[in-house]
Amino acid sequence: MEMDMHSRNATKAPPWKAVGCHQLDRIPLIEFDTLLRPFQRAVILATHPFDEVLACGGLLQILSLRGHALQLISVTDEAYGPDDLPQGRSVAQALENSDSLRRLGIPPLQMKWVRGRFMPNQLRPDSLLDFLLRYLRPGDVVFAPWRLDGDPDRETVGRGAHAACEMLGTRLVEMPIQAWQWASGEDGNLPWRRSCKLVLDHPTLARKRHAIKFQTSGPMDWLAYRSDERWHLQLHYELFIL
């Protein structure tokens, strides 16, 4: 039985932060060309700002270097409710988001950036699905949050991506983000058998860490949360669920 969202969010820091995780060690490596064929377009769904850098900042760099067409869909403008975010900070976040992508070395003209401007904590599955179907197309490879990631908005986006890909016959690759916080290293609720690791070389990982280091526009509690979420950047790979 799958663990409910509230139970997952209540879980303390995962043991793999302090000790080795045998499940992670056993996850097979994947070659980049297994994820995408030449000339396939990659579509990255980011529920909240910077999710694309946290989850797949290394992959983005490889996609750019290989010359793949890129589309980033930012579903919400921020990770806060409408009463929590001063309007000026939303602008600062957009600029900071652009700067993070620049620090990854991605030319602005190479990537189409779509902003959904949905409000956090108010995502409606039907509206989200209609929105995604306007921008996805057959032949894409869609990278989206894992459907059981633990954050309500991310899970909604993950389910919406799954539904859209089913309708279009498009390949979906899922990415854990908040799951790095709540999951146990030996957690049977995680889809270990469908997981794979994309190894990042030292320059790629360094650019990813550099991009995330300069995220400063959020309120302090949110920044502390993201700091906890970043521990897995010490790993030399990114995790994907096929």
C-alpha atoms as a PDB file:
ATOM      1  CA  MET A   1       0.000   0.000   0.000  1.00  0.00           C
ATOM      2  CA  GLU A   2       1.273   3.483  -0.863  1.00  0.00           C
ATOM      3  CA  MET A   3       2.066   5.765   2.056  1.00  0.00           C
ATOM      4  CA  ASP A   4      -0.304   8.733   2.241  1.00  0.00           C
ATOM      5  CA  MET A   5       1.050  12.218   1.693  1.00  0.00           C
ATOM      6  CA  HIS A   6       0.710  13.355   5.305  1.00  0.00           C
ATOM      7  CA  SER A   7       2.634  10.336   6.576  1.00  0.00           C
ATOM      8  CA  ARG A   8       5.381  10.976   4.082  1.00  0.00           C
ATOM      9  CA  ASN A   9       5.681  14.642   4.989  1.00  0.00           C
ATOM     10  CA  ALA A  10       5.887  13.746   8.671  1.00  0.00           C
ATOM     11  CA  THR A  11       8.850  11.450   8.131  1.00  0.00           C
ATOM     12  CA  LYS A  12      12.111  12.724   9.610  1.00  0.00           C
ATOM     13  CA  ALA A  13      15.316  13.273   7.667  1.00  0.00           C
ATOM     14  CA  PRO A  14      16.071  10.142   5.626  1.00  0.00           C
ATOM     15  CA  PRO A  15      18.776   7.782   6.901  1.00  0.00           C
ATOM     16  CA  TRP A  16      20.645   7.999   3.603  1.00  0.00           C
ATOM     17  CA  LYS A  17      21.740  11.525   4.552  1.00  0.00           C
ATOM     18  CA  ALA A  18      24.040  10.060   7.179  1.00  0.00           C
ATOM     19  CA  VAL A  19      24.781   6.526   6.039  1.00  0.00           C
ATOM     20  CA  GLY A  20      25.074   4.626   2.791  1.00  0.00           C
ATOM     21  CA  CYS A  21      21.871   3.521   1.140  1.00  0.00           C
ATOM     22  CA  HIS A  22      22.044   0.052  -0.384  1.00  0.00           C
ATOM     23  CA  GLN A  23      18.988   0.700  -2.546  1.00  0.00           C
ATOM     24  CA  LEU A  24      20.607   3.771  -4.077  1.00  0.00           C
ATOM     25  CA  ASP A  25      23.808   1.831  -4.633  1.00  0.00           C
ATOM     26  CA  ARG A  26      21.912  -0.860  -6.525  1.00  0.00           C
ATOM     27  CA  ILE A  27      20.071   1.486  -8.885  1.00  0.00           C
ATOM     28  CA  PRO A  28      21.486   0.970 -12.382  1.00  0.00           C
ATOM     29  CA  LEU A  29      23.191   3.679 -14.370  1.00  0.00           C
ATOM     30  CA  ILE A  30      21.571   4.883 -17.566  1.00  0.00           C
ATOM     31  CA  GLU A  31      23.187   6.285 -20.674  1.00  0.00           C
ATOM     32  CA  PHE A  32      21.930   9.655 -21.837  1.00  0.00           C
ATOM     33  CA  ASP A  33      21.001   8.237 -25.256  1.00  0.00           C
ATOM     34  CA  THR A  34      18.640   5.808 -23.522  1.00  0.00           C
ATOM     35  CA  LEU A  35      16.618   8.714 -22.160  1.00  0.00           C
ATOM     36  CA  LEU A  36      16.333  10.607 -25.437  1.00  0.00           C
ATOM     37  CA  ARG A  37      16.974   9.821 -29.061  1.00  0.00           C
ATOM     38  CA  PRO A  38      18.811  12.375 -31.199  1.00  0.00           C
ATOM     39  CA  PHE A  39      16.609  15.296 -32.199  1.00  0.00           C
ATOM     40  CA  GLN A  40      13.887  14.502 -29.657  1.00  0.00           C
ATOM     41  CA  ARG A  41      12.568  17.522 -27.805  1.00  0.00           C
ATOM     42  CA  ALA A  42      12.854  17.504 -24.026  1.00  0.00           C
ATOM     43  CA  VAL A  43      10.071  19.148 -22.022  1.00  0.00           C
ATOM     44  CA  ILE A  44      10.825  19.908 -18.363  1.00  0.00           C
ATOM     45  CA  LEU A  45       7.859  20.506 -16.057  1.00  0.00           C
ATOM     46  CA  ALA A  46       8.822  22.598 -13.031  1.00  0.00           C
ATOM     47  CA  THR A  47       6.063  22.916 -10.453  1.00  0.00           C
ATOM     48  CA  HIS A  48       7.847  25.619  -8.452  1.00  0.00           C
ATOM     49  CA  PRO A  49      10.700  27.976  -9.365  1.00  0.00           C
ATOM     50  CA  PHE A  50      14.112  26.268  -9.469  1.00  0.00           C
ATOM     51  CA  ASP A  51      12.628  22.757  -9.413  1.00  0.00           C
ATOM     52  CA  GLU A  52      14.171  22.220 -12.826  1.00  0.00           C
ATOM     53  CA  VAL A  53      17.629  23.036 -11.446  1.00  0.00           C
ATOM     54  CA  LEU A  54      17.224  20.934  -8.310  1.00  0.00           C
ATOM     55  CA  ALA A  55      15.826  17.888 -10.068  1.00  0.00           C
ATOM     56  CA  CYS A  56      17.663  17.891 -13.384  1.00  0.00           C
ATOM     57  CA  GLY A  57      20.136  20.759 -13.618  1.00  0.00           C
ATOM     58  CA  GLY A  58      22.758  18.313 -14.834  1.00  0.00           C
ATOM     59  CA  LEU A  59      20.460  16.807 -17.440  1.00  0.00           C
ATOM     60  CA  LEU A  60      19.617  20.290 -18.707  1.00  0.00           C
ATOM     61  CA  GLN A  61      23.299  20.967 -19.327  1.00  0.00           C
ATOM     62  CA  ILE A  62      23.737  17.717 -21.247  1.00  0.00           C
ATOM     63  CA  LEU A  63      20.623  18.402 -23.319  1.00  0.00           C
ATOM     64  CA  SER A  64      21.957  21.826 -24.196  1.00  0.00           C
ATOM     65  CA  LEU A  65      25.399  20.512 -25.154  1.00  0.00           C
ATOM     66  CA  ARG A  66      23.828  17.795 -27.313  1.00  0.00           C
ATOM     67  CA  GLY A  67      21.738  20.381 -29.146  1.00  0.00           C
ATOM     68  CA  HIS A  68      18.315  19.081 -28.164  1.00  0.00           C
ATOM     69  CA  ALA A  69      15.318  21.361 -28.440  1.00  0.00           C
ATOM     70  CA  LEU A  70      14.277  22.353 -24.922  1.00  0.00           C
ATOM     71  CA  GLN A  71      11.013  23.550 -23.468  1.00  0.00           C
ATOM     72  CA  LEU A  72      10.719  24.528 -19.816  1.00  0.00           C
ATOM     73  CA  ILE A  73       7.198  24.801 -18.441  1.00  0.00           C
ATOM     74  CA  SER A  74       7.090  26.642 -15.103  1.00  0.00           C
ATOM     75  CA  VAL A  75       3.674  25.802 -13.714  1.00  0.00           C
ATOM     76  CA  THR A  76       3.561  28.245 -10.790  1.00  0.00           C
ATOM     77  CA  ASP A  77       5.403  31.525 -10.327  1.00  0.00           C
ATOM     78  CA  GLU A  78       6.313  30.817  -6.744  1.00  0.00           C
ATOM     79  CA  ALA A  79       6.191  28.233  -3.987  1.00  0.00           C
ATOM     80  CA  TYR A  80       3.997  30.312  -1.701  1.00  0.00           C
ATOM     81  CA  GLY A  81       0.383  31.296  -1.366  1.00  0.00           C
ATOM     82  CA  PRO A  82      -0.871  34.607  -2.804  1.00  0.00           C
ATOM     83  CA  ASP A  83      -0.851  36.286   0.607  1.00  0.00           C
ATOM     84  CA  ASP A  84       2.732  35.294   1.353  1.00  0.00           C
ATOM     85  CA  LEU A  85       4.562  36.721  -1.613  1.00  0.00           C
ATOM     86  CA  PRO A  86       5.105  40.429  -2.244  1.00  0.00           C
ATOM     87  CA  GLN A  87       4.600  41.239  -5.902  1.00  0.00           C
ATOM     88  CA  GLY A  88       8.127  42.551  -6.285  1.00  0.00           C
ATOM     89  CA  ARG A  89       9.564  39.286  -5.067  1.00  0.00           C
ATOM     90  CA  SER A  90       7.810  37.437  -7.892  1.00  0.00           C
ATOM     91  CA  VAL A  91       9.710  39.607 -10.369  1.00  0.00           C
ATOM     92  CA  ALA A  92      12.950  38.996  -8.470  1.00  0.00           C
ATOM     93  CA  GLN A  93      12.308  35.272  -8.612  1.00  0.00           C
ATOM     94  CA  ALA A  94      11.799  35.335 -12.364  1.00  0.00           C
ATOM     95  CA  LEU A  95      15.110  37.145 -12.817  1.00  0.00           C
ATOM     96  CA  GLU A  96      16.838  34.784 -10.415  1.00  0.00           C
ATOM     97  CA  ASN A  97      15.378  31.802 -12.256  1.00  0.00           C
ATOM     98  CA  SER A  98      16.768  33.121 -15.536  1.00  0.00           C
ATOM     99  CA  ASP A  99      20.135  33.692 -13.894  1.00  0.00           C
ATOM    100  CA  SER A 100      20.215  30.109 -12.600  1.00  0.00           C
ATOM    101  CA  LEU A 101      19.734  28.801 -16.128  1.00  0.00           C
ATOM    102  CA  ARG A 102      22.474  31.119 -17.355  1.00  0.00           C
ATOM    103  CA  ARG A 103      24.811  29.740 -14.692  1.00  0.00           C
ATOM    104  CA  LEU A 104      24.073  26.271 -16.052  1.00  0.00           C
ATOM    105  CA  GLY A 105      25.364  27.495 -19.400  1.00  0.00           C
ATOM    106  CA  ILE A 106      22.074  27.214 -21.300  1.00  0.00           C
ATOM    107  CA  PRO A 107      21.717  29.807 -24.090  1.00  0.00           C
ATOM    108  CA  PRO A 108      18.377  31.650 -23.725  1.00  0.00           C
ATOM    109  CA  LEU A 109      17.546  31.176 -27.396  1.00  0.00           C
ATOM    110  CA  GLN A 110      17.937  27.403 -27.168  1.00  0.00           C
ATOM    111  CA  MET A 111      15.101  26.930 -24.706  1.00  0.00           C
ATOM    112  CA  LYS A 112      11.471  27.923 -25.017  1.00  0.00           C
ATOM    113  CA  TRP A 113      10.170  28.992 -21.615  1.00  0.00           C
ATOM    114  CA  VAL A 114       6.451  28.788 -20.896  1.00  0.00           C
ATOM    115  CA  ARG A 115       5.070  30.280 -17.678  1.00  0.00           C
ATOM    116  CA  GLY A 116       1.791  28.804 -16.508  1.00  0.00           C
ATOM    117  CA  ARG A 117       1.268  31.405 -13.769  1.00  0.00           C
ATOM    118  CA  PHE A 118      -0.940  29.020 -11.805  1.00  0.00           C
ATOM    119  CA  MET A 119      -1.333  29.877  -8.137  1.00  0.00           C
ATOM    120  CA  PRO A 120       0.376  27.500  -5.708  1.00  0.00           C
ATOM    121  CA  ASN A 121      -1.945  25.331  -3.623  1.00  0.00           C
ATOM    122  CA  GLN A 122      -4.764  26.055  -6.066  1.00  0.00           C
ATOM    123  CA  LEU A 123      -3.941  23.745  -8.977  1.00  0.00           C
ATOM    124  CA  ARG A 124      -7.033  22.235 -10.578  1.00  0.00           C
ATOM    125  CA  PRO A 125      -6.327  18.973 -12.415  1.00  0.00           C
ATOM    126  CA  ASP A 126      -8.694  19.733 -15.309  1.00  0.00           C
ATOM    127  CA  SER A 127      -7.264  23.207 -15.953  1.00  0.00           C
ATOM    128  CA  LEU A 128      -3.710  21.909 -15.631  1.00  0.00           C
ATOM    129  CA  LEU A 129      -4.340  19.076 -18.096  1.00  0.00           C
ATOM    130  CA  ASP A 130      -5.820  21.465 -20.665  1.00  0.00           C
ATOM    131  CA  PHE A 131      -2.792  23.707 -20.229  1.00  0.00           C
ATOM    132  CA  LEU A 132      -0.281  20.886 -20.667  1.00  0.00           C
ATOM    133  CA  LEU A 133      -2.010  19.546 -23.769  1.00  0.00           C
ATOM    134  CA  ARG A 134      -1.480  22.921 -25.442  1.00  0.00           C
ATOM    135  CA  TYR A 135       2.290  22.618 -25.154  1.00  0.00           C
ATOM    136  CA  LEU A 136       3.129  18.909 -25.303  1.00  0.00           C
ATOM    137  CA  ARG A 137       3.265  16.975 -28.543  1.00  0.00           C
ATOM    138  CA  PRO A 138       3.829  13.381 -29.650  1.00  0.00           C
ATOM    139  CA  GLY A 139       7.511  12.523 -29.846  1.00  0.00           C
ATOM    140  CA  ASP A 140       8.485  14.649 -26.839  1.00  0.00           C
ATOM    141  CA  VAL A 141      10.180  13.227 -23.778  1.00  0.00           C
ATOM    142  CA  VAL A 142       8.534  14.821 -20.747  1.00  0.00           C
ATOM    143  CA  PHE A 143      10.386  15.149 -17.432  1.00  0.00           C
ATOM    144  CA  ALA A 144       7.948  15.768 -14.579  1.00  0.00           C
ATOM    145  CA  PRO A 145       7.762  15.471 -10.785  1.00  0.00           C
ATOM    146  CA  TRP A 146       7.130  12.000  -9.431  1.00  0.00           C
ATOM    147  CA  ARG A 147       3.400  11.468  -8.871  1.00  0.00           C
ATOM    148  CA  LEU A 148       3.988  10.469  -5.223  1.00  0.00           C
ATOM    149  CA  ASP A 149       6.666  13.039  -4.413  1.00  0.00           C
ATOM    150  CA  GLY A 150       5.019  14.311  -1.218  1.00  0.00           C
ATOM    151  CA  ASP A 151       4.272  17.930  -2.180  1.00  0.00           C
ATOM    152  CA  PRO A 152       0.604  18.423  -3.198  1.00  0.00           C
ATOM    153  CA  ASP A 153       1.340  20.717  -6.131  1.00  0.00           C
ATOM    154  CA  ARG A 154       4.172  18.555  -7.430  1.00  0.00           C
ATOM    155  CA  GLU A 155       1.990  15.475  -7.222  1.00  0.00           C
ATOM    156  CA  THR A 156      -0.787  17.270  -9.106  1.00  0.00           C
ATOM    157  CA  VAL A 157       1.666  18.243 -11.846  1.00  0.00           C
ATOM    158  CA  GLY A 158       3.031  14.695 -11.947  1.00  0.00           C
ATOM    159  CA  ARG A 159      -0.435  13.215 -12.354  1.00  0.00           C
ATOM    160  CA  GLY A 160      -1.323  15.825 -14.965  1.00  0.00           C
ATOM    161  CA  ALA A 161       1.834  15.007 -16.911  1.00  0.00           C
ATOM    162  CA  HIS A 162       1.038  11.299 -16.746  1.00  0.00           C
ATOM    163  CA  ALA A 163      -2.495  11.876 -18.054  1.00  0.00           C
ATOM    164  CA  ALA A 164      -1.284  14.145 -20.864  1.00  0.00           C
ATOM    165  CA  CYS A 165       1.450  11.719 -21.912  1.00  0.00           C
ATOM    166  CA  GLU A 166      -1.034   8.841 -21.932  1.00  0.00           C
ATOM    167  CA  MET A 167      -3.314  10.816 -24.237  1.00  0.00           C
ATOM    168  CA  LEU A 168      -0.504  11.835 -26.593  1.00  0.00           C
ATOM    169  CA  GLY A 169       1.544   8.644 -26.507  1.00  0.00           C
ATOM    170  CA  THR A 170       4.466  10.680 -25.195  1.00  0.00           C
ATOM    171  CA  ARG A 171       7.224   9.251 -23.019  1.00  0.00           C
ATOM    172  CA  LEU A 172       7.189  10.343 -19.379  1.00  0.00           C
ATOM    173  CA  VAL A 173      10.235  10.348 -17.102  1.00  0.00           C
ATOM    174  CA  GLU A 174       9.555  11.198 -13.447  1.00  0.00           C
ATOM    175  CA  MET A 175      11.870  12.991 -11.027  1.00  0.00           C
ATOM    176  CA  PRO A 176      11.901  12.877  -7.201  1.00  0.00           C
ATOM    177  CA  ILE A 177      12.306  16.246  -5.508  1.00  0.00           C
ATOM    178  CA  GLN A 178      10.680  16.415  -2.080  1.00  0.00           C
ATOM    179  CA  ALA A 179      10.995  12.641  -1.784  1.00  0.00           C
ATOM    180  CA  TRP A 180      14.670  13.218  -0.974  1.00  0.00           C
ATOM    181  CA  GLN A 181      13.428  14.671   2.324  1.00  0.00           C
ATOM    182  CA  TRP A 182      10.865  12.211   3.574  1.00  0.00           C
ATOM    183  CA  ALA A 183      11.845   8.830   2.168  1.00  0.00           C
ATOM    184  CA  SER A 184      13.819   6.205   4.028  1.00  0.00           C
ATOM    185  CA  GLY A 185      16.832   4.818   2.269  1.00  0.00           C
ATOM    186  CA  GLU A 186      15.235   1.366   2.235  1.00  0.00           C
ATOM    187  CA  ASP A 187      11.658   2.606   1.728  1.00  0.00           C
ATOM    188  CA  GLY A 188       9.514   0.050  -0.067  1.00  0.00           C
ATOM    189  CA  ASN A 189       7.157   2.804  -1.214  1.00  0.00           C
ATOM    190  CA  LEU A 190       9.758   4.172  -3.616  1.00  0.00           C
ATOM    191  CA  PRO A 191       9.825   2.742  -7.160  1.00  0.00           C
ATOM    192  CA  TRP A 192      13.392   1.476  -6.917  1.00  0.00           C
ATOM    193  CA  ARG A 193      12.987  -1.013  -9.764  1.00  0.00           C
ATOM    194  CA  ARG A 194      11.919   1.725 -12.164  1.00  0.00           C
ATOM    195  CA  SER A 195      14.693   4.084 -11.101  1.00  0.00           C
ATOM    196  CA  CYS A 196      17.954   4.858 -12.855  1.00  0.00           C
ATOM    197  CA  LYS A 197      20.928   7.146 -12.295  1.00  0.00           C
ATOM    198  CA  LEU A 198      22.416   9.573 -14.799  1.00  0.00           C
ATOM    199  CA  VAL A 199      26.029  10.216 -13.813  1.00  0.00           C
ATOM    200  CA  LEU A 200      27.241  13.831 -13.871  1.00  0.00           C
ATOM    201  CA  ASP A 201      30.873  14.723 -14.432  1.00  0.00           C
ATOM    202  CA  HIS A 202      32.592  17.165 -12.075  1.00  0.00           C
ATOM    203  CA  PRO A 203      32.156  20.338 -14.204  1.00  0.00           C
ATOM    204  CA  THR A 204      28.447  19.589 -14.739  1.00  0.00           C
ATOM    205  CA  LEU A 205      27.831  19.014 -11.042  1.00  0.00           C
ATOM    206  CA  ALA A 206      29.835  22.126 -10.125  1.00  0.00           C
ATOM    207  CA  ARG A 207      27.713  24.310 -12.414  1.00  0.00           C
ATOM    208  CA  LYS A 208      24.539  22.868 -10.918  1.00  0.00           C
ATOM    209  CA  ARG A 209      25.708  23.615  -7.377  1.00  0.00           C
ATOM    210  CA  HIS A 210      26.790  27.079  -8.461  1.00  0.00           C
ATOM    211  CA  ALA A 211      23.353  27.802  -9.952  1.00  0.00           C
ATOM    212  CA  ILE A 212      21.514  26.730  -6.812  1.00  0.00           C
ATOM    213  CA  LYS A 213      23.858  28.643  -4.510  1.00  0.00           C
ATOM    214  CA  PHE A 214      22.487  31.959  -5.761  1.00  0.00           C
ATOM    215  CA  GLN A 215      18.808  31.321  -4.981  1.00  0.00           C
ATOM    216  CA  THR A 216      18.105  34.083  -2.501  1.00  0.00           C
ATOM    217  CA  SER A 217      14.727  35.651  -3.292  1.00  0.00           C
ATOM    218  CA  GLY A 218      12.504  33.436  -1.136  1.00  0.00           C
ATOM    219  CA  PRO A 219      11.489  34.026   2.489  1.00  0.00           C
ATOM    220  CA  MET A 220      13.730  32.530   5.148  1.00  0.00           C
ATOM    221  CA  ASP A 221      11.553  29.531   5.997  1.00  0.00           C
ATOM    222  CA  TRP A 222      11.354  28.576   2.326  1.00  0.00           C
ATOM    223  CA  LEU A 223      15.090  29.003   1.864  1.00  0.00           C
ATOM    224  CA  ALA A 224      15.735  26.779   4.876  1.00  0.00           C
ATOM    225  CA  TYR A 225      13.450  24.155   3.365  1.00  0.00           C
ATOM    226  CA  ARG A 226      15.292  24.300   0.061  1.00  0.00           C
ATOM    227  CA  SER A 227      18.607  24.049   1.907  1.00  0.00           C
ATOM    228  CA  ASP A 228      17.472  20.771   3.471  1.00  0.00           C
ATOM    229  CA  GLU A 229      16.243  19.611   0.090  1.00  0.00           C
ATOM    230  CA  ARG A 230      19.651  20.235  -1.513  1.00  0.00           C
ATOM    231  CA  TRP A 231      21.657  17.695   0.442  1.00  0.00           C
ATOM    232  CA  HIS A 232      21.447  15.205  -2.430  1.00  0.00           C
ATOM    233  CA  LEU A 233      23.558  17.574  -4.533  1.00  0.00           C
ATOM    234  CA  GLN A 234      26.518  15.859  -2.911  1.00  0.00           C
ATOM    235  CA  LEU A 235      25.650  12.882  -5.103  1.00  0.00           C
ATOM    236  CA  HIS A 236      27.362  12.679  -8.471  1.00  0.00           C
ATOM    237  CA  TYR A 237      24.224  11.669 -10.348  1.00  0.00           C
ATOM    238  CA  GLU A 238      20.573  12.569 -10.885  1.00  0.00           C
ATOM    239  CA  LEU A 239      17.792  10.088 -10.235  1.00  0.00           C
ATOM    240  CA  PHE A 240      14.998   9.388 -12.709  1.00  0.00           C
ATOM    241  CA  ILE A 241      11.987   7.078 -12.622  1.00  0.00           C
ATOM    242  CA  LEU A 242      11.069   5.387 -15.901  1.00  0.00           C
END
